[in-house]
Amino acid sequence: MENPVDPVVRPPLSATGLERLLRPETVALVGASANPRSLGGRTLANLAGFPGRLYRVNPNQSEIHGHPCYPDIASLPEAMDCVVLAIPAEGVESVARQCAQAHAGAVVVLASGYSETQVEEGAAAQARLVALAREAGMRVVGPNCVGVANQVHGLHAAFAEFPRSEPVPGCRIGLVSQSGALALALSQGAEHGVSFSQVLTCGNSCDVDVADYVAFLAGEPQCDAIALAFEGVADLGRLRQALDLAVRKGKRVA
């Protein structure tokens, strides 16, 4: 999927660059819901096992399942490492701006309706999101993605329920995919004994992309091999850098 903003030439992000996204201590879910069939409800259910501090954000709720619910990002008692936006596209930009002002480390944008639509308004909205994130030094996953799961860390920040499995030494696979549907289908191999340590999707790849995920997994000691499923990348050189790093770290890549 193409990025409508000219990519900034930078090396692939590694463990340090993606620390707050994939090993967060604090996570906020904007659009949290008690309705298990809603986008926010499914995502909240997946985040239930997160070992860190999880905050629910919804201006229309005071509490969800006995936990306090905050009206907005500014009301949270501490800075967020990762914020998951389970809200429609029209509300994303304003909430992302709040996240930037509150020094959030990363936002995961689940909404669609951006450059993948091949419509000028969607591409422009994605470009504004990228510009905002760059100015704030905040990472963005997506938009138009299902989220990320780092089973090693206990993080399942996605609206899709990726099958969970105990990491098996020597057979721990980090799955990197642009397509959320494909990531879900492949991760179901966990039901047949395949051990996935991470399932990382990037959707439109407006900021965090395949190369960044590969570089992260290259340095992840509890990932033995990396499986890739992607349609294209904006900068082939960055992907080569990430793949070279993975090979040097002894990670098998397919």
C-alpha atoms as a PDB file:
ATOM      1  CA  MET A   1       0.000   0.000   0.000  1.00  0.00           C
ATOM      2  CA  GLU A   2       1.467   3.328  -0.971  1.00  0.00           C
ATOM      3  CA  ASN A   3       2.204   6.140   1.412  1.00  0.00           C
ATOM      4  CA  PRO A   4       0.993   9.490  -0.001  1.00  0.00           C
ATOM      5  CA  VAL A   5       3.744  11.330   1.876  1.00  0.00           C
ATOM      6  CA  ASP A   6       7.312  11.043   0.606  1.00  0.00           C
ATOM      7  CA  PRO A   7       9.012   8.695   3.085  1.00  0.00           C
ATOM      8  CA  VAL A   8      11.619  10.129   5.399  1.00  0.00           C
ATOM      9  CA  VAL A   9      14.929   8.369   4.818  1.00  0.00           C
ATOM     10  CA  ARG A  10      15.758   6.717   8.123  1.00  0.00           C
ATOM     11  CA  PRO A  11      17.176   3.361   9.138  1.00  0.00           C
ATOM     12  CA  PRO A  12      14.646   0.722  10.169  1.00  0.00           C
ATOM     13  CA  LEU A  13      13.412   1.131  13.720  1.00  0.00           C
ATOM     14  CA  SER A  14      14.685  -1.495  16.128  1.00  0.00           C
ATOM     15  CA  ALA A  15      13.941  -2.475  19.703  1.00  0.00           C
ATOM     16  CA  THR A  16      14.578   1.025  21.004  1.00  0.00           C
ATOM     17  CA  GLY A  17      12.436   2.718  18.367  1.00  0.00           C
ATOM     18  CA  LEU A  18       9.507   0.374  18.910  1.00  0.00           C
ATOM     19  CA  GLU A  19       9.895  -0.164  22.657  1.00  0.00           C
ATOM     20  CA  ARG A  20       6.865   1.892  23.665  1.00  0.00           C
ATOM     21  CA  LEU A  21       4.717   0.328  20.952  1.00  0.00           C
ATOM     22  CA  LEU A  22       5.560  -3.348  21.388  1.00  0.00           C
ATOM     23  CA  ARG A  23       6.759  -3.484  25.008  1.00  0.00           C
ATOM     24  CA  PRO A  24       4.542  -0.849  26.606  1.00  0.00           C
ATOM     25  CA  GLU A  25       3.975  -0.338  30.302  1.00  0.00           C
ATOM     26  CA  THR A  26       0.872   1.794  29.732  1.00  0.00           C
ATOM     27  CA  VAL A  27      -1.845   1.316  27.102  1.00  0.00           C
ATOM     28  CA  ALA A  28      -4.999   3.336  26.452  1.00  0.00           C
ATOM     29  CA  LEU A  29      -7.930   2.168  24.341  1.00  0.00           C
ATOM     30  CA  VAL A  30      -9.899   5.047  22.836  1.00  0.00           C
ATOM     31  CA  GLY A  31     -13.382   3.871  21.941  1.00  0.00           C
ATOM     32  CA  ALA A  32     -13.465   1.234  24.688  1.00  0.00           C
ATOM     33  CA  SER A  33     -16.892  -0.365  24.935  1.00  0.00           C
ATOM     34  CA  ALA A  34     -18.812  -2.851  27.048  1.00  0.00           C
ATOM     35  CA  ASN A  35     -20.460  -4.173  23.871  1.00  0.00           C
ATOM     36  CA  PRO A  36     -18.501  -7.343  23.007  1.00  0.00           C
ATOM     37  CA  ARG A  37     -19.570  -7.134  19.344  1.00  0.00           C
ATOM     38  CA  SER A  38     -18.297  -3.587  18.797  1.00  0.00           C
ATOM     39  CA  LEU A  39     -14.821  -2.675  17.559  1.00  0.00           C
ATOM     40  CA  GLY A  40     -13.945  -1.200  20.951  1.00  0.00           C
ATOM     41  CA  GLY A  41     -15.457  -4.150  22.798  1.00  0.00           C
ATOM     42  CA  ARG A  42     -13.511  -6.768  20.841  1.00  0.00           C
ATOM     43  CA  THR A  43     -10.281  -4.842  21.230  1.00  0.00           C
ATOM     44  CA  LEU A  44     -10.852  -4.409  24.957  1.00  0.00           C
ATOM     45  CA  ALA A  45     -11.438  -8.150  25.358  1.00  0.00           C
ATOM     46  CA  ASN A  46      -8.148  -8.864  23.600  1.00  0.00           C
ATOM     47  CA  LEU A  47      -6.315  -6.417  25.858  1.00  0.00           C
ATOM     48  CA  ALA A  48      -7.707  -8.031  28.999  1.00  0.00           C
ATOM     49  CA  GLY A  49      -4.543 -10.014  29.650  1.00  0.00           C
ATOM     50  CA  PHE A  50      -2.179  -7.050  29.311  1.00  0.00           C
ATOM     51  CA  PRO A  51       0.147  -7.116  32.356  1.00  0.00           C
ATOM     52  CA  GLY A  52       0.736  -3.348  32.444  1.00  0.00           C
ATOM     53  CA  ARG A  53      -1.614  -0.463  33.164  1.00  0.00           C
ATOM     54  CA  LEU A  54      -4.619  -0.393  30.837  1.00  0.00           C
ATOM     55  CA  TYR A  55      -6.810   2.698  30.554  1.00  0.00           C
ATOM     56  CA  ARG A  56     -10.246   2.860  28.963  1.00  0.00           C
ATOM     57  CA  VAL A  57     -11.228   6.058  27.136  1.00  0.00           C
ATOM     58  CA  ASN A  58     -14.772   6.879  26.049  1.00  0.00           C
ATOM     59  CA  PRO A  59     -16.548  10.210  26.661  1.00  0.00           C
ATOM     60  CA  ASN A  60     -19.915   8.433  26.813  1.00  0.00           C
ATOM     61  CA  GLN A  61     -19.013   6.010  29.611  1.00  0.00           C
ATOM     62  CA  SER A  62     -17.983   6.552  33.222  1.00  0.00           C
ATOM     63  CA  GLU A  63     -16.950   2.952  33.771  1.00  0.00           C
ATOM     64  CA  ILE A  64     -16.710  -0.332  31.858  1.00  0.00           C
ATOM     65  CA  HIS A  65     -16.898  -3.687  33.618  1.00  0.00           C
ATOM     66  CA  GLY A  66     -16.134  -2.006  36.932  1.00  0.00           C
ATOM     67  CA  HIS A  67     -13.093  -0.109  35.653  1.00  0.00           C
ATOM     68  CA  PRO A  68     -13.059   3.705  35.375  1.00  0.00           C
ATOM     69  CA  CYS A  69     -13.456   5.152  31.903  1.00  0.00           C
ATOM     70  CA  TYR A  70     -11.842   8.487  31.057  1.00  0.00           C
ATOM     71  CA  PRO A  71     -13.416  11.078  28.739  1.00  0.00           C
ATOM     72  CA  ASP A  72     -10.280  11.848  26.731  1.00  0.00           C
ATOM     73  CA  ILE A  73      -6.512  11.411  26.543  1.00  0.00           C
ATOM     74  CA  ALA A  74      -5.848  14.626  28.466  1.00  0.00           C
ATOM     75  CA  SER A  75      -7.708  13.187  31.474  1.00  0.00           C
ATOM     76  CA  LEU A  76      -5.410  10.192  31.866  1.00  0.00           C
ATOM     77  CA  PRO A  77      -3.187  10.236  34.981  1.00  0.00           C
ATOM     78  CA  GLU A  78       0.061   9.441  33.149  1.00  0.00           C
ATOM     79  CA  ALA A  79       1.624   9.434  29.701  1.00  0.00           C
ATOM     80  CA  MET A  80       0.735   6.504  27.473  1.00  0.00           C
ATOM     81  CA  ASP A  81       3.285   4.311  25.764  1.00  0.00           C
ATOM     82  CA  CYS A  82       0.717   2.966  23.300  1.00  0.00           C
ATOM     83  CA  VAL A  83      -2.739   4.263  22.396  1.00  0.00           C
ATOM     84  CA  VAL A  84      -5.120   2.128  20.349  1.00  0.00           C
ATOM     85  CA  LEU A  85      -7.736   4.116  18.415  1.00  0.00           C
ATOM     86  CA  ALA A  86     -10.852   1.983  17.974  1.00  0.00           C
ATOM     87  CA  ILE A  87     -12.865   4.869  16.573  1.00  0.00           C
ATOM     88  CA  PRO A  88     -14.127   5.970  13.132  1.00  0.00           C
ATOM     89  CA  ALA A  89     -11.681   7.724  10.811  1.00  0.00           C
ATOM     90  CA  GLU A  90     -13.333  11.118  11.232  1.00  0.00           C
ATOM     91  CA  GLY A  91     -12.329  11.214  14.890  1.00  0.00           C
ATOM     92  CA  VAL A  92      -8.786   9.910  14.510  1.00  0.00           C
ATOM     93  CA  GLU A  93      -6.931  13.127  13.686  1.00  0.00           C
ATOM     94  CA  SER A  94      -8.152  15.084  16.704  1.00  0.00           C
ATOM     95  CA  VAL A  95      -7.445  12.205  19.091  1.00  0.00           C
ATOM     96  CA  ALA A  96      -4.017  11.623  17.533  1.00  0.00           C
ATOM     97  CA  ARG A  97      -3.269  15.310  18.171  1.00  0.00           C
ATOM     98  CA  GLN A  98      -4.250  14.825  21.828  1.00  0.00           C
ATOM     99  CA  CYS A  99      -1.922  11.815  21.980  1.00  0.00           C
ATOM    100  CA  ALA A 100       0.939  13.881  20.566  1.00  0.00           C
ATOM    101  CA  GLN A 101       0.315  16.679  23.075  1.00  0.00           C
ATOM    102  CA  ALA A 102       0.273  14.125  25.902  1.00  0.00           C
ATOM    103  CA  HIS A 103       3.635  12.655  24.728  1.00  0.00           C
ATOM    104  CA  ALA A 104       2.271   9.236  23.782  1.00  0.00           C
ATOM    105  CA  GLY A 105       4.880   6.909  22.310  1.00  0.00           C
ATOM    106  CA  ALA A 106       2.739   5.343  19.591  1.00  0.00           C
ATOM    107  CA  VAL A 107      -0.786   5.156  18.251  1.00  0.00           C
ATOM    108  CA  VAL A 108      -2.403   2.185  16.516  1.00  0.00           C
ATOM    109  CA  VAL A 109      -5.042   3.341  14.020  1.00  0.00           C
ATOM    110  CA  LEU A 110      -7.568   0.620  13.261  1.00  0.00           C
ATOM    111  CA  ALA A 111      -9.874   2.745  11.090  1.00  0.00           C
ATOM    112  CA  SER A 112      -9.969   2.458   7.312  1.00  0.00           C
ATOM    113  CA  GLY A 113     -10.835   5.175   4.793  1.00  0.00           C
ATOM    114  CA  TYR A 114      -7.340   6.482   4.043  1.00  0.00           C
ATOM    115  CA  SER A 115      -4.931   6.024   1.126  1.00  0.00           C
ATOM    116  CA  GLU A 116      -6.192   2.488   0.490  1.00  0.00           C
ATOM    117  CA  THR A 117      -9.410   4.002  -0.877  1.00  0.00           C
ATOM    118  CA  GLN A 118      -7.475   5.751  -3.705  1.00  0.00           C
ATOM    119  CA  VAL A 119      -9.615   8.801  -2.942  1.00  0.00           C
ATOM    120  CA  GLU A 120      -8.007  12.233  -2.546  1.00  0.00           C
ATOM    121  CA  GLU A 121      -9.669  12.968   0.787  1.00  0.00           C
ATOM    122  CA  GLY A 122      -8.424   9.701   2.310  1.00  0.00           C
ATOM    123  CA  ALA A 123      -4.874  10.249   1.085  1.00  0.00           C
ATOM    124  CA  ALA A 124      -4.900  13.803   2.463  1.00  0.00           C
ATOM    125  CA  ALA A 125      -6.153  12.612   5.859  1.00  0.00           C
ATOM    126  CA  GLN A 126      -3.347  10.049   6.001  1.00  0.00           C
ATOM    127  CA  ALA A 127      -0.778  12.691   5.032  1.00  0.00           C
ATOM    128  CA  ARG A 128      -1.942  14.938   7.884  1.00  0.00           C
ATOM    129  CA  LEU A 129      -1.662  12.034  10.317  1.00  0.00           C
ATOM    130  CA  VAL A 130       1.901  11.350   9.169  1.00  0.00           C
ATOM    131  CA  ALA A 131       2.884  15.023   9.473  1.00  0.00           C
ATOM    132  CA  LEU A 132       1.430  15.228  12.976  1.00  0.00           C
ATOM    133  CA  ALA A 133       3.287  12.112  14.102  1.00  0.00           C
ATOM    134  CA  ARG A 134       6.596  13.264  12.636  1.00  0.00           C
ATOM    135  CA  GLU A 135       6.362  16.628  14.362  1.00  0.00           C
ATOM    136  CA  ALA A 136       5.691  14.950  17.706  1.00  0.00           C
ATOM    137  CA  GLY A 137       8.168  12.084  17.296  1.00  0.00           C
ATOM    138  CA  MET A 138       5.282   9.665  17.794  1.00  0.00           C
ATOM    139  CA  ARG A 139       5.041   6.329  15.985  1.00  0.00           C
ATOM    140  CA  VAL A 140       1.907   5.401  14.031  1.00  0.00           C
ATOM    141  CA  VAL A 141       0.754   1.899  13.094  1.00  0.00           C
ATOM    142  CA  GLY A 142      -1.731   1.721  10.222  1.00  0.00           C
ATOM    143  CA  PRO A 143      -4.128   3.158   9.440  1.00  0.00           C
ATOM    144  CA  ASN A 144      -6.372   0.422   8.091  1.00  0.00           C
ATOM    145  CA  CYS A 145      -4.809  -2.319  10.214  1.00  0.00           C
ATOM    146  CA  VAL A 146      -6.050  -4.880  12.738  1.00  0.00           C
ATOM    147  CA  GLY A 147      -3.352  -4.094  15.295  1.00  0.00           C
ATOM    148  CA  VAL A 148      -0.358  -5.815  16.858  1.00  0.00           C
ATOM    149  CA  ALA A 149       0.228  -8.686  19.250  1.00  0.00           C
ATOM    150  CA  ASN A 150       3.424  -9.354  21.176  1.00  0.00           C
ATOM    151  CA  GLN A 151       2.649 -12.642  22.902  1.00  0.00           C
ATOM    152  CA  VAL A 152       5.984 -12.553  24.737  1.00  0.00           C
ATOM    153  CA  HIS A 153       5.039  -9.270  26.415  1.00  0.00           C
ATOM    154  CA  GLY A 154       1.368 -10.138  26.951  1.00  0.00           C
ATOM    155  CA  LEU A 155       0.228  -7.411  24.543  1.00  0.00           C
ATOM    156  CA  HIS A 156      -2.733  -8.063  22.226  1.00  0.00           C
ATOM    157  CA  ALA A 157      -3.569  -4.599  20.885  1.00  0.00           C
ATOM    158  CA  ALA A 158      -5.802  -5.709  18.025  1.00  0.00           C
ATOM    159  CA  PHE A 159      -9.487  -6.082  17.245  1.00  0.00           C
ATOM    160  CA  ALA A 160      -8.859  -9.509  15.676  1.00  0.00           C
ATOM    161  CA  GLU A 161      -8.376 -12.374  18.101  1.00  0.00           C
ATOM    162  CA  PHE A 162      -5.088 -13.932  17.048  1.00  0.00           C
ATOM    163  CA  PRO A 163      -4.850 -17.450  18.515  1.00  0.00           C
ATOM    164  CA  ARG A 164      -2.554 -17.446  21.523  1.00  0.00           C
ATOM    165  CA  SER A 165       0.095 -20.053  22.095  1.00  0.00           C
ATOM    166  CA  GLU A 166       2.903 -20.651  24.531  1.00  0.00           C
ATOM    167  CA  PRO A 167       6.232 -19.805  22.825  1.00  0.00           C
ATOM    168  CA  VAL A 168       8.069 -23.039  22.043  1.00  0.00           C
ATOM    169  CA  PRO A 169      11.891 -22.629  22.155  1.00  0.00           C
ATOM    170  CA  GLY A 170      13.361 -23.157  18.711  1.00  0.00           C
ATOM    171  CA  CYS A 171       9.986 -22.712  17.013  1.00  0.00           C
ATOM    172  CA  ARG A 172       8.960 -19.172  17.871  1.00  0.00           C
ATOM    173  CA  ILE A 173       7.819 -17.310  14.774  1.00  0.00           C
ATOM    174  CA  GLY A 174       7.343 -13.564  14.441  1.00  0.00           C
ATOM    175  CA  LEU A 175       4.730 -12.918  11.747  1.00  0.00           C
ATOM    176  CA  VAL A 176       4.864  -9.587   9.884  1.00  0.00           C
ATOM    177  CA  SER A 177       1.985  -8.749   7.566  1.00  0.00           C
ATOM    178  CA  GLN A 178       0.438  -5.741   5.870  1.00  0.00           C
ATOM    179  CA  SER A 179      -2.845  -7.622   5.594  1.00  0.00           C
ATOM    180  CA  GLY A 180      -4.727  -8.182   8.806  1.00  0.00           C
ATOM    181  CA  ALA A 181      -6.876 -10.920   7.272  1.00  0.00           C
ATOM    182  CA  LEU A 182      -3.802 -12.824   6.141  1.00  0.00           C
ATOM    183  CA  ALA A 183      -2.120 -12.374   9.514  1.00  0.00           C
ATOM    184  CA  LEU A 184      -5.186 -13.809  11.224  1.00  0.00           C
ATOM    185  CA  ALA A 185      -5.371 -16.769   8.831  1.00  0.00           C
ATOM    186  CA  LEU A 186      -1.684 -17.599   9.228  1.00  0.00           C
ATOM    187  CA  SER A 187      -1.690 -17.143  12.981  1.00  0.00           C
ATOM    188  CA  GLN A 188      -4.428 -19.753  13.245  1.00  0.00           C
ATOM    189  CA  GLY A 189      -1.593 -22.197  12.704  1.00  0.00           C
ATOM    190  CA  ALA A 190      -1.174 -21.808  16.468  1.00  0.00           C
ATOM    191  CA  GLU A 191      -4.199 -24.083  16.808  1.00  0.00           C
ATOM    192  CA  HIS A 192      -2.143 -26.787  15.101  1.00  0.00           C
ATOM    193  CA  GLY A 193       1.017 -26.452  17.152  1.00  0.00           C
ATOM    194  CA  VAL A 194       2.800 -23.525  15.472  1.00  0.00           C
ATOM    195  CA  SER A 195       4.253 -21.131  18.040  1.00  0.00           C
ATOM    196  CA  PHE A 196       3.864 -17.428  17.178  1.00  0.00           C
ATOM    197  CA  SER A 197       5.778 -15.040  19.402  1.00  0.00           C
ATOM    198  CA  GLN A 198       4.484 -11.896  17.645  1.00  0.00           C
ATOM    199  CA  VAL A 199       1.834 -11.058  15.036  1.00  0.00           C
ATOM    200  CA  LEU A 200       2.519  -7.560  13.698  1.00  0.00           C
ATOM    201  CA  THR A 201       0.365  -5.882  11.050  1.00  0.00           C
ATOM    202  CA  CYS A 202       1.022  -2.483   9.494  1.00  0.00           C
ATOM    203  CA  GLY A 203      -1.908  -1.827   7.123  1.00  0.00           C
ATOM    204  CA  ASN A 204      -1.158   1.251   5.025  1.00  0.00           C
ATOM    205  CA  SER A 205       2.328   1.549   6.580  1.00  0.00           C
ATOM    206  CA  CYS A 206       2.133   5.331   6.841  1.00  0.00           C
ATOM    207  CA  ASP A 207       4.931   5.258   9.445  1.00  0.00           C
ATOM    208  CA  VAL A 208       5.814   1.887  11.011  1.00  0.00           C
ATOM    209  CA  ASP A 209       6.317  -0.602   8.195  1.00  0.00           C
ATOM    210  CA  VAL A 210       7.529  -4.103   7.366  1.00  0.00           C
ATOM    211  CA  ALA A 211      11.209  -3.113   7.598  1.00  0.00           C
ATOM    212  CA  ASP A 212      10.723  -1.696  11.101  1.00  0.00           C
ATOM    213  CA  TYR A 213       9.035  -4.866  12.323  1.00  0.00           C
ATOM    214  CA  VAL A 214      11.750  -7.091  10.828  1.00  0.00           C
ATOM    215  CA  ALA A 215      14.459  -5.018  12.532  1.00  0.00           C
ATOM    216  CA  PHE A 216      12.602  -5.256  15.834  1.00  0.00           C
ATOM    217  CA  LEU A 217      12.210  -9.028  15.576  1.00  0.00           C
ATOM    218  CA  ALA A 218      15.861  -9.393  14.583  1.00  0.00           C
ATOM    219  CA  GLY A 219      16.778  -8.248  18.089  1.00  0.00           C
ATOM    220  CA  GLU A 220      13.989 -10.104  19.907  1.00  0.00           C
ATOM    221  CA  PRO A 221      15.581 -13.032  21.775  1.00  0.00           C
ATOM    222  CA  GLN A 222      12.290 -14.924  22.003  1.00  0.00           C
ATOM    223  CA  CYS A 223      11.756 -14.931  18.231  1.00  0.00           C
ATOM    224  CA  ASP A 224      13.609 -17.604  16.265  1.00  0.00           C
ATOM    225  CA  ALA A 225      12.281 -17.011  12.743  1.00  0.00           C
ATOM    226  CA  ILE A 226      10.442 -14.266  10.848  1.00  0.00           C
ATOM    227  CA  ALA A 227       7.594 -14.871   8.387  1.00  0.00           C
ATOM    228  CA  LEU A 228       6.759 -12.051   5.958  1.00  0.00           C
ATOM    229  CA  ALA A 229       3.548 -11.401   4.031  1.00  0.00           C
ATOM    230  CA  PHE A 230       3.451  -8.033   2.275  1.00  0.00           C
ATOM    231  CA  GLU A 231       2.382  -6.418  -0.989  1.00  0.00           C
ATOM    232  CA  GLY A 232       5.127  -3.816  -1.349  1.00  0.00           C
ATOM    233  CA  VAL A 233       7.395  -1.367   0.454  1.00  0.00           C
ATOM    234  CA  ALA A 234       8.118   2.307  -0.153  1.00  0.00           C
ATOM    235  CA  ASP A 235      11.874   1.917   0.334  1.00  0.00           C
ATOM    236  CA  LEU A 236      13.446  -1.399  -0.689  1.00  0.00           C
ATOM    237  CA  GLY A 237      16.815  -0.302   0.721  1.00  0.00           C
ATOM    238  CA  ARG A 238      15.411  -0.064   4.250  1.00  0.00           C
ATOM    239  CA  LEU A 239      13.937  -3.544   3.952  1.00  0.00           C
ATOM    240  CA  ARG A 240      17.304  -4.888   2.810  1.00  0.00           C
ATOM    241  CA  GLN A 241      18.945  -3.284   5.843  1.00  0.00           C
ATOM    242  CA  ALA A 242      16.426  -4.967   8.129  1.00  0.00           C
ATOM    243  CA  LEU A 243      16.842  -8.345   6.432  1.00  0.00           C
ATOM    244  CA  ASP A 244      20.629  -8.094   6.667  1.00  0.00           C
ATOM    245  CA  LEU A 245      20.296  -7.377  10.367  1.00  0.00           C
ATOM    246  CA  ALA A 246      18.035 -10.389  10.850  1.00  0.00           C
ATOM    247  CA  VAL A 247      20.546 -12.646   9.057  1.00  0.00           C
ATOM    248  CA  ARG A 248      23.413 -11.333  11.192  1.00  0.00           C
ATOM    249  CA  LYS A 249      21.353 -12.098  14.291  1.00  0.00           C
ATOM    250  CA  GLY A 250      20.823 -15.667  13.103  1.00  0.00           C
ATOM    251  CA  LYS A 251      17.114 -15.285  12.359  1.00  0.00           C
ATOM    252  CA  ARG A 252      15.571 -17.304   9.550  1.00  0.00           C
ATOM    253  CA  VAL A 253      13.365 -15.183   7.279  1.00  0.00           C
ATOM    254  CA  ALA A 254      10.772 -16.452   4.820  1.00  0.00           C
END
